[in-house]
């Protein structure tokens, strides 16, 4: 049996890898992905078409028409959804073995963009970051590339600063481990 969420994830993944993509290519790509997960049947094409309509309706993708084809691409919200899926998918998690580098993110998003700020805080927590002080987040895990993409996608040039360093002071390191210990208790 086809699962709507699985089909939608396949569509979003295809669009994140290809950018602007013809609808017929997306349908073929998603059908190929489904063959490994489900047994395609005569409802497969309908399920894919319905999923595309739902994604359009949810504002996660947008459509463009040319004389001969319809094209789709991710919206800003669709890019955020892909980032959420990347964090939720255990198969795509980055290494949880510490490489000796600290990832520090400074977040300063104004009140009028509160929903974006809350979404970023959620993503930071999902990625294993700990809030040390107000808007200073720290982690041992290599998610800096994900947050670099988020920074570009959301145009947060000065509101989000990413620092990767191999040294932090002992007191900050102790506080980080205390916060992590308290988080798991």
N, C-alpha and C. Protein backbone atom coordinates (compact mmCIF):
# COMPACT_ATOMS: atom_id res chain seq x y z
N UNK A 1 0.83 -1.19 0.00
CA UNK A 1 0.00 0.00 0.00
C UNK A 1 0.88 1.25 0.00
N UNK A 2 0.51 2.22 -0.81
CA UNK A 2 1.27 3.45 -0.90
C UNK A 2 1.01 4.33 0.31
N UNK A 3 2.05 4.99 0.76
CA UNK A 3 1.91 5.91 1.87
C UNK A 3 2.12 7.33 1.35
N UNK A 4 1.15 8.20 1.64
CA UNK A 4 1.17 9.57 1.16
C UNK A 4 2.45 10.29 1.57
N UNK A 5 2.85 10.16 2.84
CA UNK A 5 4.04 10.85 3.33
C UNK A 5 5.29 10.40 2.59
N UNK A 6 5.35 9.11 2.27
CA UNK A 6 6.50 8.57 1.56
C UNK A 6 6.58 9.13 0.14
N UNK A 7 5.44 9.22 -0.51
CA UNK A 7 5.41 9.78 -1.86
C UNK A 7 5.80 11.26 -1.83
N UNK A 8 5.25 11.99 -0.88
CA UNK A 8 5.57 13.42 -0.78
C UNK A 8 7.05 13.62 -0.49
N UNK A 9 7.63 12.79 0.39
CA UNK A 9 9.07 12.89 0.67
C UNK A 9 9.88 12.63 -0.60
N UNK A 10 9.47 11.64 -1.39
CA UNK A 10 10.18 11.34 -2.64
C UNK A 10 10.11 12.52 -3.62
N UNK A 11 8.95 13.16 -3.70
CA UNK A 11 8.79 14.32 -4.59
C UNK A 11 9.69 15.46 -4.11
N UNK A 12 9.64 15.75 -2.81
CA UNK A 12 10.47 16.84 -2.26
C UNK A 12 11.95 16.55 -2.44
N UNK A 13 12.35 15.29 -2.24
CA UNK A 13 13.75 14.91 -2.40
C UNK A 13 14.20 15.11 -3.85
N UNK A 14 13.36 14.67 -4.79
CA UNK A 14 13.69 14.85 -6.21
C UNK A 14 13.89 16.33 -6.53
N UNK A 15 12.97 17.16 -6.04
CA UNK A 15 13.06 18.60 -6.32
C UNK A 15 14.27 19.23 -5.64
N UNK A 16 14.64 18.75 -4.46
CA UNK A 16 15.80 19.33 -3.77
C UNK A 16 17.10 18.98 -4.49
N UNK A 17 17.11 17.82 -5.15
CA UNK A 17 18.31 17.40 -5.88
C UNK A 17 18.40 18.02 -7.27
N UNK A 18 17.24 18.30 -7.89
CA UNK A 18 17.23 18.72 -9.29
C UNK A 18 16.88 20.18 -9.51
N UNK A 19 16.29 20.86 -8.53
CA UNK A 19 15.83 22.24 -8.76
C UNK A 19 14.54 22.23 -9.57
N UNK A 20 14.41 23.12 -10.54
CA UNK A 20 13.22 23.17 -11.38
C UNK A 20 13.20 21.91 -12.24
N UNK A 21 12.08 21.16 -12.15
CA UNK A 21 12.02 19.84 -12.77
C UNK A 21 10.68 19.63 -13.46
N UNK A 22 10.68 19.04 -14.66
CA UNK A 22 9.41 18.73 -15.32
C UNK A 22 8.58 17.72 -14.51
N UNK A 23 7.28 17.89 -14.51
CA UNK A 23 6.37 17.02 -13.75
C UNK A 23 6.52 15.57 -14.18
N UNK A 24 6.63 15.31 -15.49
CA UNK A 24 6.73 13.92 -15.95
C UNK A 24 8.01 13.25 -15.44
N UNK A 25 9.09 14.01 -15.31
CA UNK A 25 10.33 13.47 -14.77
C UNK A 25 10.14 13.12 -13.29
N UNK A 26 9.48 14.01 -12.55
CA UNK A 26 9.23 13.77 -11.12
C UNK A 26 8.41 12.50 -10.94
N UNK A 27 7.35 12.35 -11.74
CA UNK A 27 6.50 11.16 -11.63
C UNK A 27 7.30 9.89 -11.88
N UNK A 28 8.13 9.90 -12.90
CA UNK A 28 8.97 8.73 -13.22
C UNK A 28 9.95 8.44 -12.08
N UNK A 29 10.60 9.49 -11.57
CA UNK A 29 11.57 9.34 -10.48
C UNK A 29 10.91 8.78 -9.23
N UNK A 30 9.74 9.29 -8.89
CA UNK A 30 9.01 8.82 -7.70
C UNK A 30 8.55 7.37 -7.90
N UNK A 31 8.05 7.03 -9.08
CA UNK A 31 7.65 5.65 -9.36
C UNK A 31 8.84 4.70 -9.19
N UNK A 32 10.02 5.11 -9.69
CA UNK A 32 11.23 4.29 -9.53
C UNK A 32 11.58 4.10 -8.06
N UNK A 33 11.43 5.16 -7.26
CA UNK A 33 11.72 5.08 -5.83
C UNK A 33 10.72 4.17 -5.12
N UNK A 34 9.47 4.20 -5.55
CA UNK A 34 8.41 3.41 -4.92
C UNK A 34 8.61 1.92 -5.18
N UNK A 35 9.15 1.56 -6.34
CA UNK A 35 9.32 0.15 -6.69
C UNK A 35 10.10 -0.58 -5.59
N UNK A 36 11.07 0.09 -4.99
CA UNK A 36 11.84 -0.55 -3.93
C UNK A 36 11.08 -0.65 -2.61
N UNK A 37 10.07 0.20 -2.40
CA UNK A 37 9.35 0.23 -1.13
C UNK A 37 7.99 -0.45 -1.19
N UNK A 38 7.28 -0.29 -2.30
CA UNK A 38 5.92 -0.79 -2.45
C UNK A 38 5.77 -1.46 -3.80
N UNK A 39 4.75 -2.20 -3.92
CA UNK A 39 4.40 -2.80 -5.21
C UNK A 39 3.53 -1.82 -5.97
N UNK A 40 4.03 -1.22 -7.05
CA UNK A 40 3.20 -0.28 -7.80
C UNK A 40 1.96 -0.96 -8.36
N UNK A 41 0.86 -0.22 -8.41
CA UNK A 41 -0.37 -0.75 -8.99
C UNK A 41 -1.02 0.34 -9.83
N UNK A 42 -2.26 0.11 -10.25
CA UNK A 42 -2.91 1.09 -11.12
C UNK A 42 -3.27 2.38 -10.39
N UNK A 43 -3.11 2.42 -9.07
CA UNK A 43 -3.39 3.64 -8.30
C UNK A 43 -2.14 4.48 -8.07
N UNK A 44 -0.98 3.99 -8.46
CA UNK A 44 0.28 4.68 -8.20
C UNK A 44 0.32 6.06 -8.86
N UNK A 45 -0.03 6.12 -10.14
CA UNK A 45 -0.02 7.40 -10.86
C UNK A 45 -0.96 8.41 -10.22
N UNK A 46 -2.13 7.95 -9.82
CA UNK A 46 -3.10 8.83 -9.16
C UNK A 46 -2.54 9.33 -7.83
N UNK A 47 -1.91 8.43 -7.06
CA UNK A 47 -1.37 8.81 -5.75
C UNK A 47 -0.27 9.87 -5.90
N UNK A 48 0.56 9.72 -6.92
CA UNK A 48 1.63 10.70 -7.15
C UNK A 48 1.03 12.04 -7.57
N UNK A 49 0.08 12.03 -8.50
CA UNK A 49 -0.58 13.26 -8.95
C UNK A 49 -1.26 13.95 -7.77
N UNK A 50 -1.93 13.18 -6.93
CA UNK A 50 -2.62 13.74 -5.76
C UNK A 50 -1.62 14.35 -4.78
N UNK A 51 -0.50 13.69 -4.59
CA UNK A 51 0.54 14.20 -3.69
C UNK A 51 1.12 15.52 -4.21
N UNK A 52 1.31 15.60 -5.52
CA UNK A 52 1.80 16.86 -6.11
C UNK A 52 0.79 17.96 -5.85
N UNK A 53 -0.51 17.68 -6.06
CA UNK A 53 -1.55 18.69 -5.80
C UNK A 53 -1.56 19.11 -4.34
N UNK A 54 -1.39 18.16 -3.43
CA UNK A 54 -1.35 18.49 -2.00
C UNK A 54 -0.14 19.36 -1.65
N UNK A 55 1.01 19.03 -2.22
CA UNK A 55 2.21 19.83 -1.97
C UNK A 55 2.05 21.25 -2.52
N UNK A 56 1.42 21.36 -3.70
CA UNK A 56 1.12 22.69 -4.26
C UNK A 56 0.18 23.45 -3.33
N UNK A 57 -0.87 22.77 -2.86
CA UNK A 57 -1.84 23.39 -1.97
C UNK A 57 -1.24 23.80 -0.64
N UNK A 58 -0.27 23.05 -0.15
CA UNK A 58 0.39 23.37 1.12
C UNK A 58 1.46 24.44 0.97
N UNK A 59 1.74 24.84 -0.29
CA UNK A 59 2.74 25.88 -0.52
C UNK A 59 4.17 25.38 -0.42
N UNK A 60 4.39 24.07 -0.48
CA UNK A 60 5.75 23.52 -0.39
C UNK A 60 6.45 23.46 -1.75
N UNK A 61 5.64 23.45 -2.82
CA UNK A 61 6.20 23.50 -4.18
C UNK A 61 5.36 24.49 -4.99
N UNK A 62 5.94 24.94 -6.10
CA UNK A 62 5.20 25.82 -7.01
C UNK A 62 5.37 25.31 -8.43
N UNK A 63 4.38 25.62 -9.26
CA UNK A 63 4.35 25.12 -10.64
C UNK A 63 4.58 26.26 -11.63
N UNK A 64 5.25 25.92 -12.73
CA UNK A 64 5.47 26.83 -13.84
C UNK A 64 5.09 26.10 -15.12
N UNK A 65 4.45 26.79 -16.00
CA UNK A 65 4.04 26.16 -17.27
C UNK A 65 4.80 26.77 -18.43
N UNK A 66 5.23 25.90 -19.34
CA UNK A 66 5.78 26.36 -20.61
C UNK A 66 4.79 25.90 -21.68
N UNK A 67 5.13 26.09 -22.93
CA UNK A 67 4.22 25.67 -24.00
C UNK A 67 3.97 24.16 -24.01
N UNK A 68 5.00 23.40 -23.61
CA UNK A 68 4.90 21.94 -23.76
C UNK A 68 4.90 21.17 -22.45
N UNK A 69 5.36 21.77 -21.35
CA UNK A 69 5.51 21.02 -20.11
C UNK A 69 5.17 21.88 -18.91
N UNK A 70 4.87 21.18 -17.81
CA UNK A 70 4.71 21.84 -16.53
C UNK A 70 5.94 21.50 -15.68
N UNK A 71 6.47 22.51 -15.00
CA UNK A 71 7.64 22.34 -14.17
C UNK A 71 7.29 22.65 -12.71
N UNK A 72 8.03 22.01 -11.80
CA UNK A 72 7.83 22.25 -10.38
C UNK A 72 9.16 22.62 -9.75
N UNK A 73 9.08 23.37 -8.63
CA UNK A 73 10.27 23.63 -7.83
C UNK A 73 9.84 23.86 -6.39
N UNK A 74 10.80 23.69 -5.49
CA UNK A 74 10.53 23.91 -4.07
C UNK A 74 10.35 25.39 -3.76
N UNK A 75 9.47 25.68 -2.83
CA UNK A 75 9.34 27.04 -2.30
C UNK A 75 10.25 27.14 -1.08
N UNK A 76 10.31 28.32 -0.49
CA UNK A 76 11.08 28.52 0.74
C UNK A 76 10.59 27.56 1.83
N UNK A 77 9.27 27.41 1.93
CA UNK A 77 8.69 26.50 2.92
C UNK A 77 9.04 25.05 2.60
N UNK A 78 9.11 24.72 1.32
CA UNK A 78 9.49 23.37 0.91
C UNK A 78 10.93 23.06 1.28
N UNK A 79 11.80 24.05 1.15
CA UNK A 79 13.20 23.86 1.55
C UNK A 79 13.30 23.62 3.05
N UNK A 80 12.49 24.35 3.83
CA UNK A 80 12.46 24.12 5.28
C UNK A 80 11.98 22.71 5.59
N UNK A 81 10.97 22.26 4.88
CA UNK A 81 10.42 20.92 5.08
C UNK A 81 11.49 19.86 4.79
N UNK A 82 12.25 20.05 3.72
CA UNK A 82 13.34 19.12 3.37
C UNK A 82 14.36 19.08 4.50
N UNK A 83 14.68 20.23 5.07
CA UNK A 83 15.64 20.26 6.19
C UNK A 83 15.08 19.51 7.39
N UNK A 84 13.79 19.65 7.66
CA UNK A 84 13.16 18.90 8.76
C UNK A 84 13.21 17.40 8.50
N UNK A 85 12.93 17.01 7.26
CA UNK A 85 12.96 15.59 6.90
C UNK A 85 14.38 15.05 7.08
N UNK A 86 15.38 15.83 6.70
CA UNK A 86 16.78 15.40 6.83
C UNK A 86 17.12 15.14 8.30
N UNK A 87 16.59 15.95 9.20
CA UNK A 87 16.86 15.75 10.62
C UNK A 87 16.08 14.57 11.19
N UNK A 88 14.88 14.33 10.67
CA UNK A 88 14.04 13.25 11.19
C UNK A 88 14.46 11.87 10.67
N UNK A 89 15.08 11.83 9.53
CA UNK A 89 15.42 10.56 8.88
C UNK A 89 16.70 9.99 9.49
N UNK A 90 16.60 8.87 10.20
CA UNK A 90 17.76 8.29 10.85
C UNK A 90 18.84 7.90 9.85
N UNK A 91 18.46 7.51 8.65
CA UNK A 91 19.44 7.09 7.66
C UNK A 91 20.31 8.24 7.20
N UNK A 92 19.84 9.47 7.33
CA UNK A 92 20.62 10.60 6.84
C UNK A 92 21.31 11.37 7.95
N UNK A 93 21.25 10.87 9.18
CA UNK A 93 21.91 11.58 10.27
C UNK A 93 23.41 11.57 10.06
N UNK A 94 24.02 12.69 10.40
CA UNK A 94 25.47 12.76 10.30
C UNK A 94 26.07 12.03 11.50
N UNK A 95 27.33 11.84 11.46
CA UNK A 95 28.03 11.09 12.49
C UNK A 95 27.77 11.68 13.88
N UNK A 96 27.58 10.79 14.84
CA UNK A 96 27.44 11.23 16.22
C UNK A 96 28.74 11.00 17.00
N UNK A 97 29.80 10.70 16.26
CA UNK A 97 31.11 10.59 16.87
C UNK A 97 31.77 11.96 16.78
N UNK A 98 32.21 12.46 17.91
CA UNK A 98 32.78 13.80 17.96
C UNK A 98 34.12 13.85 17.23
N UNK A 99 34.27 14.80 16.33
CA UNK A 99 35.50 14.96 15.56
C UNK A 99 36.45 15.98 16.19
N UNK A 100 36.13 16.47 17.39
CA UNK A 100 36.99 17.43 18.09
C UNK A 100 36.64 18.88 17.82
N UNK A 101 35.69 19.13 16.92
CA UNK A 101 35.28 20.50 16.61
C UNK A 101 33.94 20.83 17.27
N UNK A 102 33.85 22.05 17.75
CA UNK A 102 32.61 22.57 18.32
C UNK A 102 31.90 23.37 17.26
N UNK A 103 30.59 23.24 17.21
CA UNK A 103 29.78 24.05 16.30
C UNK A 103 29.00 25.03 17.17
N UNK A 104 29.23 26.30 16.95
CA UNK A 104 28.58 27.36 17.72
C UNK A 104 27.74 28.18 16.76
N UNK A 105 26.47 28.35 17.09
CA UNK A 105 25.58 29.15 16.25
C UNK A 105 25.05 30.31 17.09
N UNK A 106 25.23 31.50 16.56
CA UNK A 106 24.69 32.71 17.18
C UNK A 106 23.44 33.08 16.39
N UNK A 107 22.34 33.20 17.09
CA UNK A 107 21.05 33.42 16.45
C UNK A 107 20.45 34.72 16.96
N UNK A 108 20.20 35.66 16.06
CA UNK A 108 19.63 36.95 16.45
C UNK A 108 18.58 37.35 15.42
N UNK A 109 17.39 36.78 15.57
CA UNK A 109 16.30 37.06 14.63
C UNK A 109 15.30 37.96 15.34
N UNK A 110 14.94 39.08 14.71
CA UNK A 110 14.05 40.04 15.37
C UNK A 110 12.64 39.50 15.63
N UNK A 111 11.93 40.16 16.53
CA UNK A 111 10.59 39.74 16.97
C UNK A 111 9.61 39.62 15.81
N UNK A 112 9.71 40.50 14.81
CA UNK A 112 8.76 40.43 13.70
C UNK A 112 8.94 39.18 12.84
N UNK A 113 10.02 38.44 13.04
CA UNK A 113 10.25 37.17 12.34
C UNK A 113 10.24 36.00 13.35
N UNK A 114 9.35 36.11 14.33
CA UNK A 114 9.30 35.16 15.43
C UNK A 114 9.08 33.71 14.96
N UNK A 115 8.23 33.51 13.96
CA UNK A 115 7.96 32.14 13.51
C UNK A 115 9.23 31.49 12.93
N UNK A 116 10.04 32.26 12.21
CA UNK A 116 11.30 31.73 11.68
C UNK A 116 12.26 31.40 12.82
N UNK A 117 12.30 32.30 13.82
CA UNK A 117 13.17 32.09 14.98
C UNK A 117 12.79 30.81 15.71
N UNK A 118 11.50 30.60 15.92
CA UNK A 118 11.03 29.40 16.62
C UNK A 118 11.33 28.14 15.79
N UNK A 119 11.16 28.23 14.48
CA UNK A 119 11.46 27.09 13.61
C UNK A 119 12.95 26.73 13.67
N UNK A 120 13.80 27.75 13.68
CA UNK A 120 15.24 27.50 13.77
C UNK A 120 15.62 26.91 15.12
N UNK A 121 15.02 27.40 16.19
CA UNK A 121 15.29 26.83 17.52
C UNK A 121 14.90 25.35 17.55
N UNK A 122 13.77 25.03 16.94
CA UNK A 122 13.33 23.64 16.87
C UNK A 122 14.36 22.79 16.11
N UNK A 123 14.82 23.29 14.96
CA UNK A 123 15.82 22.56 14.18
C UNK A 123 17.13 22.40 14.95
N UNK A 124 17.53 23.45 15.66
CA UNK A 124 18.76 23.37 16.45
C UNK A 124 18.65 22.28 17.52
N UNK A 125 17.51 22.23 18.19
CA UNK A 125 17.31 21.19 19.21
C UNK A 125 17.32 19.80 18.58
N UNK A 126 16.64 19.64 17.43
CA UNK A 126 16.61 18.35 16.74
C UNK A 126 18.02 17.91 16.32
N UNK A 127 18.87 18.88 16.01
CA UNK A 127 20.23 18.58 15.57
C UNK A 127 21.18 18.36 16.74
N UNK A 128 20.67 18.41 17.97
CA UNK A 128 21.52 18.14 19.13
C UNK A 128 22.23 19.36 19.67
N UNK A 129 21.84 20.55 19.24
CA UNK A 129 22.44 21.77 19.78
C UNK A 129 21.82 22.06 21.14
N UNK A 130 22.61 22.67 22.01
CA UNK A 130 22.16 23.07 23.34
C UNK A 130 22.28 24.58 23.44
N UNK A 131 21.25 25.22 23.98
CA UNK A 131 21.27 26.67 24.15
C UNK A 131 22.07 27.00 25.41
N UNK A 132 23.23 27.65 25.23
CA UNK A 132 24.08 28.00 26.35
C UNK A 132 23.65 29.29 27.02
N UNK A 133 23.40 30.30 26.21
CA UNK A 133 23.10 31.62 26.75
C UNK A 133 22.26 32.36 25.73
N UNK A 134 21.03 32.69 26.10
CA UNK A 134 20.12 33.41 25.21
C UNK A 134 20.10 32.80 23.82
N UNK A 135 20.81 33.38 22.89
CA UNK A 135 20.76 32.91 21.51
C UNK A 135 22.08 32.30 21.04
N UNK A 136 22.80 31.69 21.97
CA UNK A 136 24.06 31.02 21.63
C UNK A 136 23.83 29.51 21.77
N UNK A 137 23.99 28.81 20.65
CA UNK A 137 23.76 27.36 20.60
C UNK A 137 25.07 26.67 20.30
N UNK A 138 25.29 25.51 20.92
CA UNK A 138 26.55 24.78 20.72
C UNK A 138 26.28 23.29 20.57
N UNK A 139 27.09 22.65 19.74
CA UNK A 139 26.97 21.21 19.51
C UNK A 139 28.32 20.63 19.14
N UNK A 140 28.44 19.32 19.33
CA UNK A 140 29.64 18.60 18.92
C UNK A 140 29.44 17.94 17.56
N UNK A 141 28.20 17.94 17.06
CA UNK A 141 27.88 17.20 15.84
C UNK A 141 27.99 18.07 14.59
N UNK A 142 28.45 17.49 13.48
CA UNK A 142 28.74 18.27 12.26
C UNK A 142 27.51 18.61 11.41
N UNK A 143 26.62 19.45 11.96
CA UNK A 143 25.45 19.91 11.23
C UNK A 143 25.66 21.31 10.63
N UNK A 144 26.89 21.79 10.65
CA UNK A 144 27.10 23.17 10.17
C UNK A 144 26.71 23.35 8.70
N UNK A 145 26.86 22.31 7.89
CA UNK A 145 26.50 22.43 6.47
C UNK A 145 24.99 22.59 6.30
N UNK A 146 24.22 21.87 7.09
CA UNK A 146 22.76 22.01 7.05
C UNK A 146 22.36 23.43 7.41
N UNK A 147 22.97 23.97 8.47
CA UNK A 147 22.60 25.32 8.90
C UNK A 147 23.16 26.39 7.96
N UNK A 148 24.24 26.10 7.27
CA UNK A 148 24.73 27.01 6.24
C UNK A 148 23.71 27.10 5.11
N UNK A 149 23.14 25.96 4.72
CA UNK A 149 22.10 25.96 3.68
C UNK A 149 20.85 26.69 4.15
N UNK A 150 20.46 26.47 5.39
CA UNK A 150 19.29 27.16 5.94
C UNK A 150 19.53 28.66 5.94
N UNK A 151 20.73 29.05 6.33
CA UNK A 151 21.10 30.47 6.35
C UNK A 151 20.94 31.10 4.95
N UNK A 152 21.41 30.39 3.94
CA UNK A 152 21.29 30.88 2.56
C UNK A 152 19.83 30.90 2.11
N UNK A 153 19.11 29.79 2.37
CA UNK A 153 17.72 29.67 1.93
C UNK A 153 16.82 30.73 2.53
N UNK A 154 17.05 31.06 3.80
CA UNK A 154 16.19 32.02 4.50
C UNK A 154 16.76 33.44 4.49
N UNK A 155 17.88 33.61 3.79
CA UNK A 155 18.52 34.92 3.69
C UNK A 155 18.79 35.52 5.08
N UNK A 156 19.51 34.77 5.90
CA UNK A 156 19.83 35.18 7.27
C UNK A 156 21.31 35.57 7.36
N UNK A 157 21.77 36.43 6.47
CA UNK A 157 23.19 36.74 6.36
C UNK A 157 23.80 37.27 7.66
N UNK A 158 23.09 38.12 8.39
CA UNK A 158 23.65 38.66 9.62
C UNK A 158 22.95 38.13 10.87
N UNK A 159 21.79 37.49 10.70
CA UNK A 159 21.02 37.02 11.85
C UNK A 159 21.47 35.66 12.36
N UNK A 160 22.22 34.92 11.55
CA UNK A 160 22.69 33.59 11.91
C UNK A 160 24.18 33.51 11.62
N UNK A 161 24.95 33.30 12.66
CA UNK A 161 26.41 33.20 12.51
C UNK A 161 26.82 31.80 12.95
N UNK A 162 27.61 31.14 12.11
CA UNK A 162 28.06 29.77 12.37
C UNK A 162 29.57 29.78 12.59
N UNK A 163 29.97 29.21 13.71
CA UNK A 163 31.40 29.15 14.05
C UNK A 163 31.75 27.69 14.28
N UNK A 164 32.84 27.24 13.66
CA UNK A 164 33.36 25.90 13.90
C UNK A 164 34.77 26.08 14.45
N UNK A 165 35.00 25.55 15.64
CA UNK A 165 36.30 25.73 16.28
C UNK A 165 36.68 24.47 17.05
N UNK A 166 37.97 24.29 17.25
CA UNK A 166 38.41 23.13 18.02
C UNK A 166 38.66 23.47 19.48
N UNK A 167 38.51 24.75 19.86
CA UNK A 167 38.79 25.15 21.24
C UNK A 167 37.67 26.04 21.80
N UNK A 168 37.23 25.68 22.99
CA UNK A 168 36.39 26.57 23.79
C UNK A 168 36.95 26.51 25.21
N UNK A 169 36.64 27.52 26.02
CA UNK A 169 37.19 27.53 27.36
C UNK A 169 36.59 26.41 28.22
N UNK A 170 37.31 26.05 29.29
CA UNK A 170 36.91 24.91 30.13
C UNK A 170 35.55 25.11 30.78
N UNK A 171 35.26 26.32 31.24
CA UNK A 171 33.98 26.59 31.90
C UNK A 171 32.81 26.39 30.93
N UNK A 172 32.95 26.86 29.70
CA UNK A 172 31.90 26.68 28.70
C UNK A 172 31.72 25.20 28.38
N UNK A 173 32.82 24.49 28.27
CA UNK A 173 32.75 23.05 28.00
C UNK A 173 32.03 22.32 29.14
N UNK A 174 32.34 22.66 30.38
CA UNK A 174 31.67 22.05 31.54
C UNK A 174 30.18 22.36 31.52
N UNK A 175 29.83 23.61 31.22
CA UNK A 175 28.42 24.01 31.17
C UNK A 175 27.69 23.24 30.07
N UNK A 176 28.32 23.08 28.92
CA UNK A 176 27.72 22.31 27.83
C UNK A 176 27.41 20.88 28.28
N UNK A 177 28.39 20.21 28.88
CA UNK A 177 28.18 18.83 29.30
C UNK A 177 27.14 18.73 30.42
N UNK A 178 27.10 19.73 31.32
CA UNK A 178 26.06 19.75 32.36
C UNK A 178 24.67 19.88 31.75
N UNK A 179 24.54 20.77 30.77
CA UNK A 179 23.25 20.95 30.10
C UNK A 179 22.84 19.68 29.36
N UNK A 180 23.78 19.02 28.71
CA UNK A 180 23.49 17.77 28.00
C UNK A 180 23.08 16.68 28.99
N UNK A 181 23.76 16.62 30.10
CA UNK A 181 23.44 15.63 31.13
C UNK A 181 22.03 15.87 31.69
N UNK A 182 21.70 17.14 31.97
CA UNK A 182 20.37 17.48 32.48
C UNK A 182 19.27 17.20 31.46
N UNK A 183 19.62 17.36 30.19
CA UNK A 183 18.65 17.15 29.11
C UNK A 183 18.25 15.67 29.00
N UNK A 184 19.19 14.78 29.31
CA UNK A 184 18.90 13.35 29.19
C UNK A 184 18.27 12.77 30.45
N UNK A 185 18.32 13.50 31.56
CA UNK A 185 17.74 12.99 32.81
C UNK A 185 16.25 13.23 32.88
